Amino acid sequence: MLKFRVSRNLLVPYYQLSELIPAMSEPMTRPQLRIVKVTVGPSRHKDLIAESVRMLLSQHGHAADVDVSRTPYRG
């Protein structure tokens, strides 16, 4: 289900990943959500954040593409 939060006086839509995976009785049999691509930004430090996301995904065995947003940072 699509949810919303407020960030910097803007309404931001988001999905809670745990709700995208059907609940199963055994935690070890829960299907793994495959992450294919992550887009970071806009942010003042989007390159640094993108590298952190790459490290996080790698640590958990994901080989996803990580891109930075072309949307300009307005902070």
PDB file of N, CA and C in Angstrom:
ATOM      1  N   MET A   1       0.837  -1.167   0.000  1.00  0.00           N
ATOM      2  CA  MET A   1       0.000   0.000   0.000  1.00  0.00           C
ATOM      3  C   MET A   1       0.891   1.242   0.000  1.00  0.00           C
ATOM      4  N   LEU A   2       0.566   2.192  -0.804  1.00  0.00           N
ATOM      5  CA  LEU A   2       1.308   3.443  -0.888  1.00  0.00           C
ATOM      6  C   LEU A   2       1.060   4.254   0.377  1.00  0.00           C
ATOM      7  N   LYS A   3       2.149   4.722   0.985  1.00  0.00           N
ATOM      8  CA  LYS A   3       2.061   5.542   2.190  1.00  0.00           C
ATOM      9  C   LYS A   3       2.679   6.891   1.892  1.00  0.00           C
ATOM     10  N   PHE A   4       2.495   7.832   2.813  1.00  0.00           N
ATOM     11  CA  PHE A   4       3.020   9.178   2.629  1.00  0.00           C
ATOM     12  C   PHE A   4       3.674   9.659   3.915  1.00  0.00           C
ATOM     13  N   ARG A   5       4.714  10.490   3.765  1.00  0.00           N
ATOM     14  CA  ARG A   5       5.365  11.129   4.903  1.00  0.00           C
ATOM     15  C   ARG A   5       5.686  12.565   4.502  1.00  0.00           C
ATOM     16  N   VAL A   6       5.929  13.395   5.481  1.00  0.00           N
ATOM     17  CA  VAL A   6       6.278  14.783   5.218  1.00  0.00           C
ATOM     18  C   VAL A   6       7.784  14.942   5.392  1.00  0.00           C
ATOM     19  N   SER A   7       8.420  15.556   4.410  1.00  0.00           N
ATOM     20  CA  SER A   7       9.845  15.834   4.473  1.00  0.00           C
ATOM     21  C   SER A   7      10.091  17.216   3.874  1.00  0.00           C
ATOM     22  N   ARG A   8      10.653  18.098   4.678  1.00  0.00           N
ATOM     23  CA  ARG A   8      10.945  19.465   4.239  1.00  0.00           C
ATOM     24  C   ARG A   8       9.721  20.155   3.640  1.00  0.00           C
ATOM     25  N   ASN A   9       8.608  20.018   4.320  1.00  0.00           N
ATOM     26  CA  ASN A   9       7.334  20.633   3.925  1.00  0.00           C
ATOM     27  C   ASN A   9       6.794  20.107   2.606  1.00  0.00           C
ATOM     28  N   LEU A  10       7.249  18.926   2.185  1.00  0.00           N
ATOM     29  CA  LEU A  10       6.720  18.287   0.983  1.00  0.00           C
ATOM     30  C   LEU A  10       6.111  16.941   1.364  1.00  0.00           C
ATOM     31  N   LEU A  11       5.105  16.522   0.653  1.00  0.00           N
ATOM     32  CA  LEU A  11       4.495  15.217   0.852  1.00  0.00           C
ATOM     33  C   LEU A  11       5.233  14.211  -0.026  1.00  0.00           C
ATOM     34  N   VAL A  12       5.804  13.175   0.597  1.00  0.00           N
ATOM     35  CA  VAL A  12       6.640  12.214  -0.115  1.00  0.00           C
ATOM     36  C   VAL A  12       5.967  10.844  -0.097  1.00  0.00           C
ATOM     37  N   PRO A  13       5.667  10.259  -1.265  1.00  0.00           N
ATOM     38  CA  PRO A  13       5.083   8.914  -1.296  1.00  0.00           C
ATOM     39  C   PRO A  13       6.176   7.855  -1.125  1.00  0.00           C
ATOM     40  N   TYR A  14       5.834   6.733  -0.480  1.00  0.00           N
ATOM     41  CA  TYR A  14       6.790   5.644  -0.328  1.00  0.00           C
ATOM     42  C   TYR A  14       6.064   4.325  -0.122  1.00  0.00           C
ATOM     43  N   TYR A  15       6.779   3.228  -0.364  1.00  0.00           N
ATOM     44  CA  TYR A  15       6.284   1.886  -0.087  1.00  0.00           C
ATOM     45  C   TYR A  15       7.132   1.288   1.015  1.00  0.00           C
ATOM     46  N   GLN A  16       6.504   0.580   1.932  1.00  0.00           N
ATOM     47  CA  GLN A  16       7.243  -0.134   2.957  1.00  0.00           C
ATOM     48  C   GLN A  16       7.577  -1.506   2.385  1.00  0.00           C
ATOM     49  N   LEU A  17       8.867  -1.803   2.244  1.00  0.00           N
ATOM     50  CA  LEU A  17       9.289  -3.026   1.574  1.00  0.00           C
ATOM     51  C   LEU A  17       8.733  -4.284   2.225  1.00  0.00           C
ATOM     52  N   SER A  18       8.594  -4.287   3.550  1.00  0.00           N
ATOM     53  CA  SER A  18       8.077  -5.482   4.223  1.00  0.00           C
ATOM     54  C   SER A  18       6.646  -5.799   3.794  1.00  0.00           C
ATOM     55  N   GLU A  19       5.907  -4.809   3.331  1.00  0.00           N
ATOM     56  CA  GLU A  19       4.542  -5.045   2.874  1.00  0.00           C
ATOM     57  C   GLU A  19       4.482  -5.559   1.435  1.00  0.00           C
ATOM     58  N   LEU A  20       5.591  -5.429   0.697  1.00  0.00           N
ATOM     59  CA  LEU A  20       5.614  -5.902  -0.683  1.00  0.00           C
ATOM     60  C   LEU A  20       5.870  -7.404  -0.766  1.00  0.00           C
ATOM     61  N   ILE A  21       6.325  -7.996   0.347  1.00  0.00           N
ATOM     62  CA  ILE A  21       6.615  -9.429   0.380  1.00  0.00           C
ATOM     63  C   ILE A  21       5.530 -10.101   1.206  1.00  0.00           C
ATOM     64  N   PRO A  22       4.832 -11.091   0.639  1.00  0.00           N
ATOM     65  CA  PRO A  22       3.777 -11.751   1.406  1.00  0.00           C
ATOM     66  C   PRO A  22       4.346 -12.409   2.663  1.00  0.00           C
ATOM     67  N   ALA A  23       3.627 -12.278   3.771  1.00  0.00           N
ATOM     68  CA  ALA A  23       4.069 -12.891   5.034  1.00  0.00           C
ATOM     69  C   ALA A  23       3.976 -14.410   4.912  1.00  0.00           C
ATOM     70  N   MET A  24       4.986 -15.086   5.425  1.00  0.00           N
ATOM     71  CA  MET A  24       5.004 -16.548   5.412  1.00  0.00           C
ATOM     72  C   MET A  24       5.261 -17.021   6.839  1.00  0.00           C
ATOM     73  N   SER A  25       4.919 -18.256   7.127  1.00  0.00           N
ATOM     74  CA  SER A  25       5.020 -18.762   8.491  1.00  0.00           C
ATOM     75  C   SER A  25       6.463 -18.871   8.971  1.00  0.00           C
ATOM     76  N   GLU A  26       7.378 -19.316   8.134  1.00  0.00           N
ATOM     77  CA  GLU A  26       8.778 -19.468   8.511  1.00  0.00           C
ATOM     78  C   GLU A  26       9.603 -18.314   7.948  1.00  0.00           C
ATOM     79  N   PRO A  27      10.305 -17.561   8.788  1.00  0.00           N
ATOM     80  CA  PRO A  27      11.111 -16.439   8.278  1.00  0.00           C
ATOM     81  C   PRO A  27      12.137 -16.855   7.228  1.00  0.00           C
ATOM     82  N   MET A  28      12.711 -18.055   7.339  1.00  0.00           N
ATOM     83  CA  MET A  28      13.737 -18.501   6.401  1.00  0.00           C
ATOM     84  C   MET A  28      13.156 -18.862   5.030  1.00  0.00           C
ATOM     85  N   THR A  29      11.845 -19.067   4.943  1.00  0.00           N
ATOM     86  CA  THR A  29      11.247 -19.414   3.649  1.00  0.00           C
ATOM     87  C   THR A  29      10.645 -18.196   2.954  1.00  0.00           C
ATOM     88  N   ARG A  30      10.790 -17.047   3.571  1.00  0.00           N
ATOM     89  CA  ARG A  30      10.253 -15.825   2.985  1.00  0.00           C
ATOM     90  C   ARG A  30      11.009 -15.524   1.689  1.00  0.00           C
ATOM     91  N   PRO A  31      10.301 -15.244   0.585  1.00  0.00           N
ATOM     92  CA  PRO A  31      11.004 -14.948  -0.671  1.00  0.00           C
ATOM     93  C   PRO A  31      11.779 -13.635  -0.556  1.00  0.00           C
ATOM     94  N   GLN A  32      12.944 -13.604  -1.184  1.00  0.00           N
ATOM     95  CA  GLN A  32      13.774 -12.405  -1.148  1.00  0.00           C
ATOM     96  C   GLN A  32      13.379 -11.473  -2.285  1.00  0.00           C
ATOM     97  N   LEU A  33      13.184 -10.222  -1.952  1.00  0.00           N
ATOM     98  CA  LEU A  33      12.852  -9.210  -2.947  1.00  0.00           C
ATOM     99  C   LEU A  33      14.127  -8.856  -3.701  1.00  0.00           C
ATOM    100  N   ARG A  34      14.119  -9.030  -5.005  1.00  0.00           N
ATOM    101  CA  ARG A  34      15.308  -8.755  -5.821  1.00  0.00           C
ATOM    102  C   ARG A  34      15.386  -7.267  -6.140  1.00  0.00           C
ATOM    103  N   ILE A  35      16.471  -6.648  -5.755  1.00  0.00           N
ATOM    104  CA  ILE A  35      16.695  -5.226  -6.035  1.00  0.00           C
ATOM    105  C   ILE A  35      17.508  -5.132  -7.309  1.00  0.00           C
ATOM    106  N   VAL A  36      16.976  -4.424  -8.305  1.00  0.00           N
ATOM    107  CA  VAL A  36      17.646  -4.328  -9.590  1.00  0.00           C
ATOM    108  C   VAL A  36      18.332  -2.976  -9.779  1.00  0.00           C
ATOM    109  N   LYS A  37      17.715  -1.913  -9.253  1.00  0.00           N
ATOM    110  CA  LYS A  37      18.268  -0.581  -9.452  1.00  0.00           C
ATOM    111  C   LYS A  37      17.836   0.331  -8.314  1.00  0.00           C
ATOM    112  N   VAL A  38      18.746   1.208  -7.900  1.00  0.00           N
ATOM    113  CA  VAL A  38      18.458   2.207  -6.872  1.00  0.00           C
ATOM    114  C   VAL A  38      18.875   3.562  -7.427  1.00  0.00           C
ATOM    115  N   THR A  39      17.998   4.560  -7.291  1.00  0.00           N
ATOM    116  CA  THR A  39      18.345   5.921  -7.690  1.00  0.00           C
ATOM    117  C   THR A  39      18.432   6.775  -6.433  1.00  0.00           C
ATOM    118  N   VAL A  40      19.554   7.474  -6.267  1.00  0.00           N
ATOM    119  CA  VAL A  40      19.815   8.282  -5.088  1.00  0.00           C
ATOM    120  C   VAL A  40      19.692   9.756  -5.449  1.00  0.00           C
ATOM    121  N   GLY A  41      19.066  10.508  -4.572  1.00  0.00           N
ATOM    122  CA  GLY A  41      19.020  11.950  -4.748  1.00  0.00           C
ATOM    123  C   GLY A  41      17.614  12.457  -4.904  1.00  0.00           C
ATOM    124  N   PRO A  42      17.419  13.695  -5.103  1.00  0.00           N
ATOM    125  CA  PRO A  42      18.445  14.729  -5.105  1.00  0.00           C
ATOM    126  C   PRO A  42      18.966  14.989  -3.691  1.00  0.00           C
ATOM    127  N   SER A  43      20.219  15.290  -3.607  1.00  0.00           N
ATOM    128  CA  SER A  43      20.863  15.560  -2.326  1.00  0.00           C
ATOM    129  C   SER A  43      22.163  16.314  -2.581  1.00  0.00           C
ATOM    130  N   ARG A  44      22.583  17.053  -1.599  1.00  0.00           N
ATOM    131  CA  ARG A  44      23.851  17.773  -1.712  1.00  0.00           C
ATOM    132  C   ARG A  44      25.015  16.785  -1.811  1.00  0.00           C
ATOM    133  N   HIS A  45      24.859  15.602  -1.191  1.00  0.00           N
ATOM    134  CA  HIS A  45      25.930  14.608  -1.138  1.00  0.00           C
ATOM    135  C   HIS A  45      25.536  13.322  -1.862  1.00  0.00           C
ATOM    136  N   LYS A  46      24.857  13.442  -2.995  1.00  0.00           N
ATOM    137  CA  LYS A  46      24.317  12.245  -3.644  1.00  0.00           C
ATOM    138  C   LYS A  46      25.395  11.263  -4.099  1.00  0.00           C
ATOM    139  N   ASP A  47      26.569  11.719  -4.496  1.00  0.00           N
ATOM    140  CA  ASP A  47      27.627  10.788  -4.897  1.00  0.00           C
ATOM    141  C   ASP A  47      28.128   9.969  -3.711  1.00  0.00           C
ATOM    142  N   LEU A  48      28.285  10.620  -2.574  1.00  0.00           N
ATOM    143  CA  LEU A  48      28.705   9.929  -1.360  1.00  0.00           C
ATOM    144  C   LEU A  48      27.638   8.930  -0.901  1.00  0.00           C
ATOM    145  N   ILE A  49      26.375   9.345  -0.956  1.00  0.00           N
ATOM    146  CA  ILE A  49      25.280   8.462  -0.574  1.00  0.00           C
ATOM    147  C   ILE A  49      25.197   7.270  -1.527  1.00  0.00           C
ATOM    148  N   ALA A  50      25.370   7.515  -2.826  1.00  0.00           N
ATOM    149  CA  ALA A  50      25.330   6.425  -3.812  1.00  0.00           C
ATOM    150  C   ALA A  50      26.400   5.383  -3.508  1.00  0.00           C
ATOM    151  N   GLU A  51      27.598   5.833  -3.146  1.00  0.00           N
ATOM    152  CA  GLU A  51      28.669   4.888  -2.811  1.00  0.00           C
ATOM    153  C   GLU A  51      28.319   4.097  -1.554  1.00  0.00           C
ATOM    154  N   SER A  52      27.701   4.738  -0.583  1.00  0.00           N
ATOM    155  CA  SER A  52      27.263   4.039   0.629  1.00  0.00           C
ATOM    156  C   SER A  52      26.200   2.998   0.312  1.00  0.00           C
ATOM    157  N   VAL A  53      25.289   3.334  -0.587  1.00  0.00           N
ATOM    158  CA  VAL A  53      24.248   2.380  -0.988  1.00  0.00           C
ATOM    159  C   VAL A  53      24.882   1.188  -1.706  1.00  0.00           C
ATOM    160  N   ARG A  54      25.862   1.440  -2.566  1.00  0.00           N
ATOM    161  CA  ARG A  54      26.573   0.336  -3.242  1.00  0.00           C
ATOM    162  C   ARG A  54      27.212  -0.603  -2.220  1.00  0.00           C
ATOM    163  N   MET A  55      27.851  -0.026  -1.202  1.00  0.00           N
ATOM    164  CA  MET A  55      28.493  -0.834  -0.170  1.00  0.00           C
ATOM    165  C   MET A  55      27.460  -1.654   0.610  1.00  0.00           C
ATOM    166  N   LEU A  56      26.337  -1.021   0.956  1.00  0.00           N
ATOM    167  CA  LEU A  56      25.281  -1.718   1.690  1.00  0.00           C
ATOM    168  C   LEU A  56      24.727  -2.886   0.880  1.00  0.00           C
ATOM    169  N   LEU A  57      24.417  -2.635  -0.390  1.00  0.00           N
ATOM    170  CA  LEU A  57      23.874  -3.696  -1.241  1.00  0.00           C
ATOM    171  C   LEU A  57      24.881  -4.826  -1.418  1.00  0.00           C
ATOM    172  N   SER A  58      26.140  -4.481  -1.625  1.00  0.00           N
ATOM    173  CA  SER A  58      27.179  -5.480  -1.799  1.00  0.00           C
ATOM    174  C   SER A  58      27.325  -6.352  -0.550  1.00  0.00           C
ATOM    175  N   GLN A  59      27.259  -5.717   0.607  1.00  0.00           N
ATOM    176  CA  GLN A  59      27.385  -6.435   1.874  1.00  0.00           C
ATOM    177  C   GLN A  59      26.281  -7.476   2.032  1.00  0.00           C
ATOM    178  N   HIS A  60      25.118  -7.220   1.427  1.00  0.00           N
ATOM    179  CA  HIS A  60      23.987  -8.139   1.544  1.00  0.00           C
ATOM    180  C   HIS A  60      23.793  -8.993   0.290  1.00  0.00           C
ATOM    181  N   GLY A  61      24.801  -9.009  -0.586  1.00  0.00           N
ATOM    182  CA  GLY A  61      24.778  -9.896  -1.734  1.00  0.00           C
ATOM    183  C   GLY A  61      23.950  -9.443  -2.919  1.00  0.00           C
ATOM    184  N   HIS A  62      23.661  -8.158  -3.011  1.00  0.00           N
ATOM    185  CA  HIS A  62      22.891  -7.637  -4.141  1.00  0.00           C
ATOM    186  C   HIS A  62      23.843  -6.998  -5.154  1.00  0.00           C
ATOM    187  N   ALA A  63      23.577  -7.214  -6.418  1.00  0.00           N
ATOM    188  CA  ALA A  63      24.384  -6.619  -7.487  1.00  0.00           C
ATOM    189  C   ALA A  63      23.509  -5.661  -8.288  1.00  0.00           C
ATOM    190  N   ALA A  64      22.952  -4.660  -7.637  1.00  0.00           N
ATOM    191  CA  ALA A  64      22.042  -3.720  -8.286  1.00  0.00           C
ATOM    192  C   ALA A  64      22.801  -2.515  -8.823  1.00  0.00           C
ATOM    193  N   ASP A  65      22.250  -1.902  -9.871  1.00  0.00           N
ATOM    194  CA  ASP A  65      22.785  -0.644 -10.379  1.00  0.00           C
ATOM    195  C   ASP A  65      22.402   0.476  -9.421  1.00  0.00           C
ATOM    196  N   VAL A  66      23.325   1.378  -9.145  1.00  0.00           N
ATOM    197  CA  VAL A  66      23.044   2.535  -8.297  1.00  0.00           C
ATOM    198  C   VAL A  66      23.350   3.780  -9.117  1.00  0.00           C
ATOM    199  N   ASP A  67      22.332   4.582  -9.354  1.00  0.00           N
ATOM    200  CA  ASP A  67      22.466   5.819 -10.127  1.00  0.00           C
ATOM    201  C   ASP A  67      22.199   7.011  -9.223  1.00  0.00           C
ATOM    202  N   VAL A  68      22.680   8.183  -9.650  1.00  0.00           N
ATOM    203  CA  VAL A  68      22.340   9.416  -8.949  1.00  0.00           C
ATOM    204  C   VAL A  68      21.304  10.172  -9.779  1.00  0.00           C
ATOM    205  N   SER A  69      20.382  10.805  -9.091  1.00  0.00           N
ATOM    206  CA  SER A  69      19.307  11.540  -9.738  1.00  0.00           C
ATOM    207  C   SER A  69      19.848  12.750 -10.486  1.00  0.00           C
ATOM    208  N   ARG A  70      19.266  13.041 -11.624  1.00  0.00           N
ATOM    209  CA  ARG A  70      19.627  14.251 -12.365  1.00  0.00           C
ATOM    210  C   ARG A  70      18.814  15.442 -11.886  1.00  0.00           C
ATOM    211  N   THR A  71      17.855  15.211 -10.997  1.00  0.00           N
ATOM    212  CA  THR A  71      17.047  16.297 -10.450  1.00  0.00           C
ATOM    213  C   THR A  71      17.931  17.172  -9.575  1.00  0.00           C
ATOM    214  N   PRO A  72      17.913  18.490  -9.772  1.00  0.00           N
ATOM    215  CA  PRO A  72      18.783  19.360  -8.976  1.00  0.00           C
ATOM    216  C   PRO A  72      18.363  19.418  -7.523  1.00  0.00           C
ATOM    217  N   TYR A  73      19.337  19.556  -6.650  1.00  0.00           N
ATOM    218  CA  TYR A  73      19.097  19.699  -5.226  1.00  0.00           C
ATOM    219  C   TYR A  73      18.605  21.116  -4.953  1.00  0.00           C
ATOM    220  N   ARG A  74      17.491  21.247  -4.190  1.00  0.00           N
ATOM    221  CA  ARG A  74      16.917  22.563  -3.957  1.00  0.00           C
ATOM    222  C   ARG A  74      17.018  22.982  -2.498  1.00  0.00           C
ATOM    223  N   GLY A  75      18.010  22.500  -1.768  1.00  0.00           N
ATOM    224  CA  GLY A  75      18.124  22.803  -0.333  1.00  0.00           C
ATOM    225  C   GLY A  75      18.895  24.004  -0.136  1.00  0.00           C
TER     226      GLY A  75
END
